[in-house]
N, C-alpha and C. Protein backbone atom coordinates (compact mmCIF):
# COMPACT_ATOMS: atom_id res chain seq x y z
N MET A 1 -87.27 -73.70 35.14
CA MET A 1 -87.17 -72.25 35.11
C MET A 1 -86.13 -71.70 36.00
N GLU A 2 -86.11 -72.35 37.14
CA GLU A 2 -85.11 -71.97 38.14
C GLU A 2 -83.74 -72.14 37.60
N ASN A 3 -83.52 -73.15 36.91
CA ASN A 3 -82.22 -73.48 36.32
C ASN A 3 -81.84 -72.43 35.23
N ALA A 4 -82.80 -71.97 34.47
CA ALA A 4 -82.57 -71.02 33.38
C ALA A 4 -82.20 -69.69 34.04
N GLU A 5 -82.91 -69.32 35.13
CA GLU A 5 -82.62 -68.03 35.83
C GLU A 5 -81.26 -68.10 36.41
N SER A 6 -80.89 -69.14 37.07
CA SER A 6 -79.54 -69.21 37.70
C SER A 6 -78.47 -69.25 36.66
N SER A 7 -78.70 -69.83 35.49
CA SER A 7 -77.66 -69.83 34.46
C SER A 7 -77.47 -68.44 33.85
N ASN A 8 -78.51 -67.58 33.91
CA ASN A 8 -78.42 -66.18 33.43
C ASN A 8 -77.74 -65.28 34.47
N ILE A 9 -77.90 -65.65 35.70
CA ILE A 9 -77.37 -64.81 36.82
C ILE A 9 -75.84 -64.89 36.85
N ILE A 10 -75.29 -66.06 36.67
CA ILE A 10 -73.83 -66.27 36.76
C ILE A 10 -73.09 -65.39 35.68
N PRO A 11 -73.52 -65.41 34.41
CA PRO A 11 -72.84 -64.49 33.43
C PRO A 11 -72.99 -63.07 33.78
N LEU A 12 -74.19 -62.66 34.25
CA LEU A 12 -74.45 -61.30 34.63
C LEU A 12 -73.53 -60.87 35.81
N LEU A 13 -73.45 -61.77 36.80
CA LEU A 13 -72.59 -61.52 37.98
C LEU A 13 -71.12 -61.40 37.54
N THR A 14 -70.72 -62.24 36.64
CA THR A 14 -69.35 -62.24 36.14
C THR A 14 -69.06 -60.91 35.37
N VAL A 15 -70.01 -60.44 34.61
CA VAL A 15 -69.86 -59.19 33.85
C VAL A 15 -69.82 -58.04 34.81
N PHE A 16 -70.70 -58.05 35.84
CA PHE A 16 -70.75 -57.02 36.87
C PHE A 16 -69.45 -56.92 37.66
N ILE A 17 -68.89 -58.09 38.07
CA ILE A 17 -67.66 -58.08 38.85
C ILE A 17 -66.48 -57.65 37.98
N SER A 18 -66.48 -58.10 36.74
CA SER A 18 -65.39 -57.65 35.79
C SER A 18 -65.48 -56.17 35.55
N GLY A 19 -66.69 -55.63 35.45
CA GLY A 19 -66.85 -54.16 35.27
C GLY A 19 -66.31 -53.40 36.48
N ILE A 20 -66.65 -53.84 37.67
CA ILE A 20 -66.19 -53.20 38.92
C ILE A 20 -64.64 -53.28 38.95
N PHE A 21 -64.08 -54.48 38.68
CA PHE A 21 -62.65 -54.63 38.68
C PHE A 21 -62.00 -53.73 37.68
N GLY A 22 -62.57 -53.61 36.49
CA GLY A 22 -62.01 -52.73 35.45
C GLY A 22 -62.08 -51.25 35.89
N LEU A 23 -63.15 -50.90 36.56
CA LEU A 23 -63.30 -49.52 37.08
C LEU A 23 -62.24 -49.23 38.14
N ILE A 24 -62.02 -50.20 39.03
CA ILE A 24 -61.01 -50.03 40.10
C ILE A 24 -59.60 -49.94 39.48
N VAL A 25 -59.34 -50.75 38.49
CA VAL A 25 -58.03 -50.60 37.81
C VAL A 25 -57.85 -49.34 37.15
N ALA A 26 -58.93 -48.85 36.48
CA ALA A 26 -58.81 -47.53 35.83
C ALA A 26 -58.57 -46.38 36.84
N ILE A 27 -59.25 -46.44 38.00
CA ILE A 27 -59.05 -45.37 38.99
C ILE A 27 -57.67 -45.45 39.63
N VAL A 28 -57.20 -46.64 39.94
CA VAL A 28 -55.87 -46.78 40.50
C VAL A 28 -54.81 -46.30 39.50
N THR A 29 -54.96 -46.69 38.24
CA THR A 29 -53.99 -46.26 37.21
C THR A 29 -53.99 -44.75 37.07
N TRP A 30 -55.17 -44.16 37.04
CA TRP A 30 -55.33 -42.71 36.98
C TRP A 30 -54.66 -42.03 38.13
N LYS A 31 -54.93 -42.49 39.40
CA LYS A 31 -54.29 -41.92 40.58
C LYS A 31 -52.71 -42.07 40.52
N LEU A 32 -52.19 -43.20 40.16
CA LEU A 32 -50.79 -43.36 40.04
C LEU A 32 -50.13 -42.46 38.97
N ALA A 33 -50.80 -42.34 37.85
CA ALA A 33 -50.32 -41.49 36.80
C ALA A 33 -50.36 -40.06 37.26
N ASN A 34 -51.42 -39.61 37.89
CA ASN A 34 -51.56 -38.27 38.48
C ASN A 34 -50.44 -37.98 39.49
N HIS A 35 -50.18 -38.98 40.39
CA HIS A 35 -49.15 -38.81 41.41
C HIS A 35 -47.77 -38.70 40.75
N ARG A 36 -47.53 -39.54 39.74
CA ARG A 36 -46.24 -39.45 39.01
C ARG A 36 -46.03 -38.10 38.31
N GLU A 37 -47.04 -37.58 37.73
CA GLU A 37 -46.97 -36.27 37.08
C GLU A 37 -46.76 -35.18 38.07
N ASN A 38 -47.43 -35.26 39.19
CA ASN A 38 -47.23 -34.23 40.28
C ASN A 38 -45.81 -34.25 40.75
N ARG A 39 -45.24 -35.44 40.96
CA ARG A 39 -43.86 -35.54 41.39
C ARG A 39 -42.91 -34.98 40.35
N ARG A 40 -43.13 -35.31 39.11
CA ARG A 40 -42.25 -34.86 38.01
C ARG A 40 -42.33 -33.30 37.98
N PHE A 41 -43.55 -32.74 38.09
CA PHE A 41 -43.74 -31.24 38.06
C PHE A 41 -42.98 -30.58 39.21
N LYS A 42 -43.09 -31.20 40.41
CA LYS A 42 -42.39 -30.58 41.60
C LYS A 42 -40.88 -30.72 41.38
N TYR A 43 -40.39 -31.82 40.87
CA TYR A 43 -38.96 -32.01 40.61
C TYR A 43 -38.46 -30.97 39.58
N GLU A 44 -39.21 -30.81 38.53
CA GLU A 44 -38.80 -29.85 37.55
C GLU A 44 -38.82 -28.42 38.05
N GLN A 45 -39.76 -28.09 38.96
CA GLN A 45 -39.87 -26.81 39.58
C GLN A 45 -38.60 -26.62 40.50
N LYS A 46 -38.25 -27.60 41.22
CA LYS A 46 -37.08 -27.48 42.08
C LYS A 46 -35.79 -27.26 41.29
N ILE A 47 -35.67 -27.98 40.14
CA ILE A 47 -34.54 -27.76 39.27
C ILE A 47 -34.51 -26.37 38.74
N SER A 48 -35.69 -25.83 38.33
CA SER A 48 -35.76 -24.47 37.81
C SER A 48 -35.39 -23.48 38.89
N ASP A 49 -35.89 -23.68 40.14
CA ASP A 49 -35.52 -22.83 41.27
C ASP A 49 -34.05 -22.84 41.52
N PHE A 50 -33.46 -24.04 41.47
CA PHE A 50 -32.01 -24.23 41.67
C PHE A 50 -31.24 -23.37 40.64
N LYS A 51 -31.60 -23.51 39.39
CA LYS A 51 -30.85 -22.84 38.28
C LYS A 51 -31.01 -21.30 38.48
N GLU A 52 -32.19 -20.81 38.89
CA GLU A 52 -32.42 -19.41 39.05
C GLU A 52 -31.51 -18.90 40.25
N LYS A 53 -31.48 -19.66 41.35
CA LYS A 53 -30.73 -19.26 42.52
C LYS A 53 -29.25 -19.26 42.14
N LYS A 54 -28.79 -20.28 41.38
CA LYS A 54 -27.39 -20.36 41.00
C LYS A 54 -27.02 -19.12 40.12
N GLU A 55 -27.90 -18.74 39.22
CA GLU A 55 -27.68 -17.59 38.35
C GLU A 55 -27.67 -16.30 39.20
N LEU A 56 -28.52 -16.24 40.18
CA LEU A 56 -28.57 -15.04 41.01
C LEU A 56 -27.27 -14.94 41.82
N TYR A 57 -26.79 -16.00 42.35
CA TYR A 57 -25.55 -16.00 43.17
C TYR A 57 -24.32 -15.63 42.28
N VAL A 58 -24.28 -16.16 41.09
CA VAL A 58 -23.18 -15.82 40.15
C VAL A 58 -23.24 -14.35 39.82
N THR A 59 -24.46 -13.83 39.57
CA THR A 59 -24.57 -12.38 39.25
C THR A 59 -24.13 -11.56 40.46
N LEU A 60 -24.48 -12.01 41.63
CA LEU A 60 -24.07 -11.28 42.89
C LEU A 60 -22.52 -11.20 42.99
N LEU A 61 -21.85 -12.36 42.86
CA LEU A 61 -20.38 -12.36 42.98
C LEU A 61 -19.74 -11.56 41.84
N ALA A 62 -20.31 -11.67 40.63
CA ALA A 62 -19.76 -10.89 39.51
C ALA A 62 -19.89 -9.38 39.73
N SER A 63 -21.06 -8.98 40.30
CA SER A 63 -21.32 -7.58 40.62
C SER A 63 -20.40 -7.02 41.65
N LEU A 64 -20.11 -7.84 42.70
CA LEU A 64 -19.18 -7.43 43.73
C LEU A 64 -17.80 -7.15 43.13
N ASP A 65 -17.38 -8.12 42.25
CA ASP A 65 -16.06 -7.98 41.60
C ASP A 65 -16.07 -6.76 40.72
N LYS A 66 -17.15 -6.50 40.04
CA LYS A 66 -17.24 -5.34 39.11
C LYS A 66 -17.16 -4.06 39.90
N ILE A 67 -17.83 -3.99 41.05
CA ILE A 67 -17.76 -2.79 41.85
C ILE A 67 -16.30 -2.49 42.26
N ILE A 68 -15.58 -3.53 42.68
CA ILE A 68 -14.19 -3.30 43.05
C ILE A 68 -13.36 -2.80 41.89
N ARG A 69 -13.50 -3.46 40.70
CA ARG A 69 -12.79 -3.07 39.55
C ARG A 69 -13.05 -1.64 39.12
N ILE A 70 -14.33 -1.26 39.11
CA ILE A 70 -14.69 0.10 38.73
C ILE A 70 -14.24 1.13 39.73
N THR A 71 -14.24 0.76 40.99
CA THR A 71 -13.69 1.64 42.03
C THR A 71 -12.21 1.88 41.81
N GLU A 72 -11.48 0.78 41.52
CA GLU A 72 -10.03 0.84 41.36
C GLU A 72 -9.62 1.74 40.16
N ILE A 73 -10.47 1.83 39.15
CA ILE A 73 -10.09 2.67 38.04
C ILE A 73 -10.64 4.09 38.17
N GLY A 74 -11.35 4.31 39.25
CA GLY A 74 -11.79 5.64 39.59
C GLY A 74 -13.03 6.07 38.78
N GLU A 75 -13.79 5.11 38.29
CA GLU A 75 -14.98 5.46 37.52
C GLU A 75 -16.24 5.45 38.45
N ASN A 76 -17.31 6.06 37.95
CA ASN A 76 -18.58 6.02 38.63
C ASN A 76 -19.45 4.85 38.13
N TYR A 77 -20.34 4.39 38.91
CA TYR A 77 -21.13 3.20 38.49
C TYR A 77 -22.58 3.32 38.92
N PRO A 78 -23.28 4.34 38.37
CA PRO A 78 -24.73 4.60 38.72
C PRO A 78 -25.61 3.36 38.34
N ASN A 79 -25.42 2.81 37.19
CA ASN A 79 -26.24 1.66 36.75
C ASN A 79 -25.98 0.46 37.59
N LEU A 80 -24.71 0.31 38.00
CA LEU A 80 -24.40 -0.87 38.87
C LEU A 80 -25.11 -0.75 40.25
N HIS A 81 -25.30 0.45 40.74
CA HIS A 81 -26.00 0.61 41.99
C HIS A 81 -27.42 0.11 41.86
N GLU A 82 -28.07 0.41 40.77
CA GLU A 82 -29.43 -0.04 40.52
C GLU A 82 -29.48 -1.57 40.45
N ASN A 83 -28.49 -2.14 39.73
CA ASN A 83 -28.44 -3.60 39.58
C ASN A 83 -28.18 -4.25 40.96
N MET A 84 -27.29 -3.68 41.74
CA MET A 84 -26.97 -4.24 43.06
C MET A 84 -28.21 -4.10 44.01
N SER A 85 -28.95 -3.07 43.89
CA SER A 85 -30.14 -2.94 44.68
C SER A 85 -31.12 -4.04 44.36
N LEU A 86 -31.30 -4.33 43.10
CA LEU A 86 -32.18 -5.41 42.70
C LEU A 86 -31.66 -6.80 43.18
N ILE A 87 -30.35 -7.01 42.95
CA ILE A 87 -29.73 -8.23 43.38
C ILE A 87 -29.80 -8.43 44.89
N SER A 88 -29.57 -7.36 45.61
CA SER A 88 -29.67 -7.43 47.10
C SER A 88 -31.08 -7.77 47.59
N ALA A 89 -32.05 -7.22 46.92
CA ALA A 89 -33.44 -7.50 47.24
C ALA A 89 -33.79 -8.97 47.01
N GLN A 90 -33.29 -9.48 45.82
CA GLN A 90 -33.55 -10.87 45.54
C GLN A 90 -32.83 -11.76 46.51
N ILE A 91 -31.61 -11.40 46.88
CA ILE A 91 -30.88 -12.22 47.89
C ILE A 91 -31.59 -12.23 49.20
N ARG A 92 -32.14 -11.10 49.69
CA ARG A 92 -32.89 -11.04 50.91
C ARG A 92 -34.02 -12.02 50.86
N ILE A 93 -34.70 -12.14 49.76
CA ILE A 93 -35.85 -13.00 49.62
C ILE A 93 -35.48 -14.46 49.43
N PHE A 94 -34.57 -14.74 48.53
CA PHE A 94 -34.29 -16.11 48.15
C PHE A 94 -33.03 -16.71 48.84
N GLY A 95 -32.20 -15.84 49.36
CA GLY A 95 -30.95 -16.38 49.94
C GLY A 95 -31.14 -16.83 51.34
N SER A 96 -30.24 -17.67 51.79
CA SER A 96 -30.32 -18.21 53.15
C SER A 96 -29.88 -17.09 54.12
N GLU A 97 -30.17 -17.32 55.37
CA GLU A 97 -29.81 -16.35 56.43
C GLU A 97 -28.26 -16.16 56.44
N ASN A 98 -27.56 -17.25 56.28
CA ASN A 98 -26.07 -17.16 56.27
C ASN A 98 -25.56 -16.29 55.15
N ILE A 99 -26.12 -16.46 53.97
CA ILE A 99 -25.73 -15.66 52.80
C ILE A 99 -26.05 -14.21 53.01
N ASN A 100 -27.26 -13.92 53.56
CA ASN A 100 -27.67 -12.57 53.86
C ASN A 100 -26.74 -11.89 54.83
N ASN A 101 -26.34 -12.63 55.89
CA ASN A 101 -25.44 -12.08 56.89
C ASN A 101 -24.11 -11.74 56.27
N LYS A 102 -23.60 -12.65 55.42
CA LYS A 102 -22.30 -12.42 54.79
C LYS A 102 -22.36 -11.25 53.82
N LEU A 103 -23.46 -11.11 53.14
CA LEU A 103 -23.62 -9.98 52.17
C LEU A 103 -23.70 -8.69 52.97
N PHE A 104 -24.32 -8.64 54.14
CA PHE A 104 -24.37 -7.45 54.95
C PHE A 104 -23.02 -7.06 55.35
N GLU A 105 -22.18 -7.99 55.88
CA GLU A 105 -20.78 -7.75 56.22
C GLU A 105 -20.02 -7.13 55.07
N ILE A 106 -20.18 -7.75 53.92
CA ILE A 106 -19.45 -7.32 52.70
C ILE A 106 -19.86 -5.91 52.32
N SER A 107 -21.12 -5.63 52.38
CA SER A 107 -21.63 -4.29 52.06
C SER A 107 -21.02 -3.21 52.95
N GLU A 108 -20.97 -3.52 54.22
CA GLU A 108 -20.31 -2.56 55.16
C GLU A 108 -18.87 -2.35 54.83
N THR A 109 -18.15 -3.39 54.63
CA THR A 109 -16.73 -3.32 54.38
C THR A 109 -16.47 -2.68 53.01
N LEU A 110 -17.31 -3.05 52.01
CA LEU A 110 -17.14 -2.50 50.68
C LEU A 110 -17.38 -1.02 50.65
N PHE A 111 -18.36 -0.55 51.42
CA PHE A 111 -18.64 0.85 51.52
C PHE A 111 -17.41 1.61 52.10
N GLU A 112 -16.93 1.05 53.19
CA GLU A 112 -15.80 1.62 53.92
C GLU A 112 -14.54 1.66 52.99
N TRP A 113 -14.28 0.50 52.35
CA TRP A 113 -13.12 0.42 51.45
C TRP A 113 -13.23 1.38 50.27
N SER A 114 -14.38 1.43 49.58
CA SER A 114 -14.54 2.23 48.40
C SER A 114 -14.53 3.71 48.75
N SER A 115 -15.07 4.07 49.93
CA SER A 115 -14.99 5.48 50.28
C SER A 115 -13.56 5.90 50.53
N GLU A 116 -12.80 5.15 51.23
CA GLU A 116 -11.38 5.46 51.48
C GLU A 116 -10.60 5.47 50.13
N TYR A 117 -10.85 4.42 49.33
CA TYR A 117 -10.12 4.33 48.06
C TYR A 117 -10.38 5.50 47.18
N LYS A 118 -11.63 5.85 47.01
CA LYS A 118 -11.96 7.01 46.16
C LYS A 118 -11.38 8.30 46.66
N GLN A 119 -11.35 8.52 48.00
CA GLN A 119 -10.80 9.65 48.59
C GLN A 119 -9.24 9.70 48.41
N GLY A 120 -8.63 8.52 48.28
CA GLY A 120 -7.20 8.37 48.08
C GLY A 120 -6.77 8.53 46.69
N LEU A 121 -7.66 8.47 45.76
CA LEU A 121 -7.26 8.61 44.30
C LEU A 121 -6.77 10.04 44.01
N PRO A 122 -5.81 10.14 43.09
CA PRO A 122 -5.37 11.49 42.69
C PRO A 122 -6.51 12.28 42.15
N LYS A 123 -6.49 13.61 42.45
CA LYS A 123 -7.62 14.49 42.06
C LYS A 123 -7.32 15.07 40.70
N LYS A 124 -8.42 15.16 39.91
CA LYS A 124 -8.32 15.67 38.59
C LYS A 124 -8.17 17.17 38.68
N LEU A 125 -7.31 17.71 37.81
CA LEU A 125 -7.01 19.15 37.77
C LEU A 125 -7.90 19.78 36.67
N GLY A 126 -9.02 20.35 37.11
CA GLY A 126 -9.87 21.03 36.16
C GLY A 126 -10.39 20.14 35.10
N GLU A 127 -10.43 20.70 33.91
CA GLU A 127 -10.92 19.95 32.73
C GLU A 127 -9.82 19.20 31.98
N THR A 128 -8.64 19.10 32.58
CA THR A 128 -7.54 18.41 31.95
C THR A 128 -7.49 16.97 32.31
N ASN A 129 -6.61 16.25 31.67
CA ASN A 129 -6.45 14.82 32.00
C ASN A 129 -5.40 14.63 33.08
N PHE A 130 -4.87 15.68 33.61
CA PHE A 130 -3.88 15.61 34.65
C PHE A 130 -4.51 15.36 36.01
N ARG A 131 -3.80 14.61 36.83
CA ARG A 131 -4.24 14.35 38.19
C ARG A 131 -3.14 14.66 39.13
N MET A 132 -3.48 15.01 40.39
CA MET A 132 -2.48 15.36 41.35
C MET A 132 -2.72 14.58 42.63
N VAL A 133 -1.66 14.04 43.21
CA VAL A 133 -1.74 13.36 44.45
C VAL A 133 -1.30 14.31 45.55
N SER A 134 -2.07 14.40 46.64
CA SER A 134 -1.67 15.24 47.73
C SER A 134 -1.39 14.37 48.95
N THR A 135 -0.79 14.92 49.95
CA THR A 135 -0.52 14.19 51.13
C THR A 135 -1.80 13.75 51.87
N MET A 136 -2.92 14.47 51.62
CA MET A 136 -4.16 14.11 52.21
C MET A 136 -4.73 12.87 51.58
N ASP A 137 -4.35 12.62 50.35
CA ASP A 137 -4.86 11.48 49.61
C ASP A 137 -4.20 10.16 50.15
N THR A 138 -2.91 10.22 50.49
CA THR A 138 -2.21 8.98 50.78
C THR A 138 -2.75 8.34 52.06
N GLY A 139 -3.20 9.08 53.01
CA GLY A 139 -3.80 8.52 54.25
C GLY A 139 -4.99 7.66 53.92
N HIS A 140 -5.84 8.15 53.02
CA HIS A 140 -7.03 7.42 52.63
C HIS A 140 -6.64 6.14 51.89
N MET A 141 -5.66 6.25 51.01
CA MET A 141 -5.23 5.11 50.21
C MET A 141 -4.63 4.06 51.14
N GLU A 142 -3.89 4.44 52.15
CA GLU A 142 -3.33 3.52 53.12
C GLU A 142 -4.43 2.77 53.90
N LYS A 143 -5.47 3.50 54.31
CA LYS A 143 -6.59 2.87 55.01
C LYS A 143 -7.32 1.86 54.02
N ALA A 144 -7.46 2.25 52.80
CA ALA A 144 -8.11 1.37 51.83
C ALA A 144 -7.29 0.10 51.66
N LYS A 145 -5.94 0.25 51.63
CA LYS A 145 -5.06 -0.94 51.50
C LYS A 145 -5.19 -1.86 52.69
N ILE A 146 -5.43 -1.31 53.86
CA ILE A 146 -5.62 -2.09 55.07
C ILE A 146 -6.94 -2.81 55.05
N ILE A 147 -7.97 -2.21 54.59
CA ILE A 147 -9.36 -2.78 54.53
C ILE A 147 -9.48 -3.84 53.48
N TYR A 148 -8.78 -3.69 52.33
CA TYR A 148 -8.93 -4.56 51.15
C TYR A 148 -8.82 -6.05 51.46
N PRO A 149 -7.81 -6.50 52.18
CA PRO A 149 -7.73 -7.96 52.45
C PRO A 149 -8.95 -8.47 53.19
N THR A 150 -9.52 -7.69 54.06
CA THR A 150 -10.69 -8.07 54.83
C THR A 150 -11.89 -8.23 53.82
N LEU A 151 -11.98 -7.32 52.88
CA LEU A 151 -13.03 -7.36 51.94
C LEU A 151 -12.85 -8.59 51.06
N ARG A 152 -11.70 -8.89 50.55
CA ARG A 152 -11.44 -10.05 49.74
C ARG A 152 -11.82 -11.36 50.53
N LYS A 153 -11.41 -11.40 51.82
CA LYS A 153 -11.65 -12.52 52.65
C LYS A 153 -13.18 -12.74 52.77
N GLN A 154 -13.87 -11.70 53.00
CA GLN A 154 -15.35 -11.82 53.15
C GLN A 154 -16.00 -12.25 51.89
N ILE A 155 -15.57 -11.74 50.72
CA ILE A 155 -16.13 -12.22 49.46
C ILE A 155 -15.80 -13.65 49.22
N ASN A 156 -14.59 -14.13 49.56
CA ASN A 156 -14.23 -15.56 49.41
C ASN A 156 -15.09 -16.42 50.32
N GLU A 157 -15.37 -15.92 51.57
CA GLU A 157 -16.20 -16.64 52.48
C GLU A 157 -17.62 -16.77 51.91
N LEU A 158 -18.15 -15.69 51.38
CA LEU A 158 -19.44 -15.70 50.76
C LEU A 158 -19.49 -16.71 49.62
N ALA A 159 -18.50 -16.73 48.75
CA ALA A 159 -18.40 -17.69 47.68
C ALA A 159 -18.47 -19.08 48.18
N LYS A 160 -17.76 -19.32 49.25
CA LYS A 160 -17.70 -20.70 49.84
C LYS A 160 -19.07 -21.09 50.40
N VAL A 161 -19.72 -20.16 51.08
CA VAL A 161 -21.09 -20.43 51.61
C VAL A 161 -22.05 -20.71 50.47
N ILE A 162 -21.93 -19.93 49.43
CA ILE A 162 -22.79 -20.11 48.19
C ILE A 162 -22.49 -21.52 47.59
N GLU A 163 -21.29 -21.76 47.45
CA GLU A 163 -20.87 -23.12 46.90
C GLU A 163 -21.40 -24.22 47.70
N ASP A 164 -21.24 -24.18 49.00
CA ASP A 164 -21.77 -25.21 49.91
C ASP A 164 -23.28 -25.34 49.82
N GLU A 165 -23.94 -24.19 49.79
CA GLU A 165 -25.45 -24.24 49.72
C GLU A 165 -25.87 -24.86 48.41
N LEU A 166 -25.32 -24.47 47.34
CA LEU A 166 -25.68 -25.02 46.02
C LEU A 166 -25.38 -26.51 45.91
N HIS A 167 -24.23 -26.92 46.49
CA HIS A 167 -23.87 -28.30 46.48
C HIS A 167 -24.90 -29.12 47.31
N GLN A 168 -25.29 -28.63 48.43
CA GLN A 168 -26.28 -29.33 49.29
C GLN A 168 -27.67 -29.38 48.60
N THR A 169 -28.04 -28.29 47.96
CA THR A 169 -29.26 -28.26 47.24
C THR A 169 -29.29 -29.28 46.07
N LYS A 170 -28.16 -29.32 45.36
CA LYS A 170 -28.02 -30.31 44.28
C LYS A 170 -28.08 -31.75 44.77
N LYS A 171 -27.47 -31.99 45.92
CA LYS A 171 -27.53 -33.32 46.55
C LYS A 171 -28.98 -33.64 46.85
N ASP A 172 -29.69 -32.70 47.46
CA ASP A 172 -31.09 -32.93 47.83
C ASP A 172 -31.97 -33.21 46.58
N LEU A 173 -31.62 -32.63 45.48
CA LEU A 173 -32.39 -32.86 44.24
C LEU A 173 -32.24 -34.26 43.73
N ILE A 174 -31.03 -34.82 43.96
CA ILE A 174 -30.74 -36.17 43.41
C ILE A 174 -31.39 -37.21 44.22
N LYS A 175 -31.68 -36.92 45.49
CA LYS A 175 -32.36 -37.95 46.32
C LYS A 175 -33.71 -38.38 45.77
């Protein structure tokens, strides 16, 4: 009898150990798959964030250029002010400190330049298409011409900072 019981225990023990081993393999496989999916999700989120930030920076630089061009032709840009307010808010939240500092410098210089430039434009004569330049206008235009290279330099510096930041972020994504 003893022999019959021991011969039944060995197969039961083998089935029990195999079951535990199968359960351990299933748990480890599940954990590894879950970890891999989490890493993939985080990577895809970082790529999405990178693309959004890149698009935001391109929009910022394009808007700055648009402000300059619209100012130079003497037009008003009420919708652009709204867009720039939104872009500036997004930059404050998502942009680096360096980019925010550069944008603040540009905003100050852009305001100074555009004010002088607009004051220096020939004044419209009534409801006609004629414009007249006065001696009071030339002083403002001269100040605007002096400020403009500084404005361009600041925008180029911002573009370089953005380029460097995006390049570094892209490098970090590849790691």
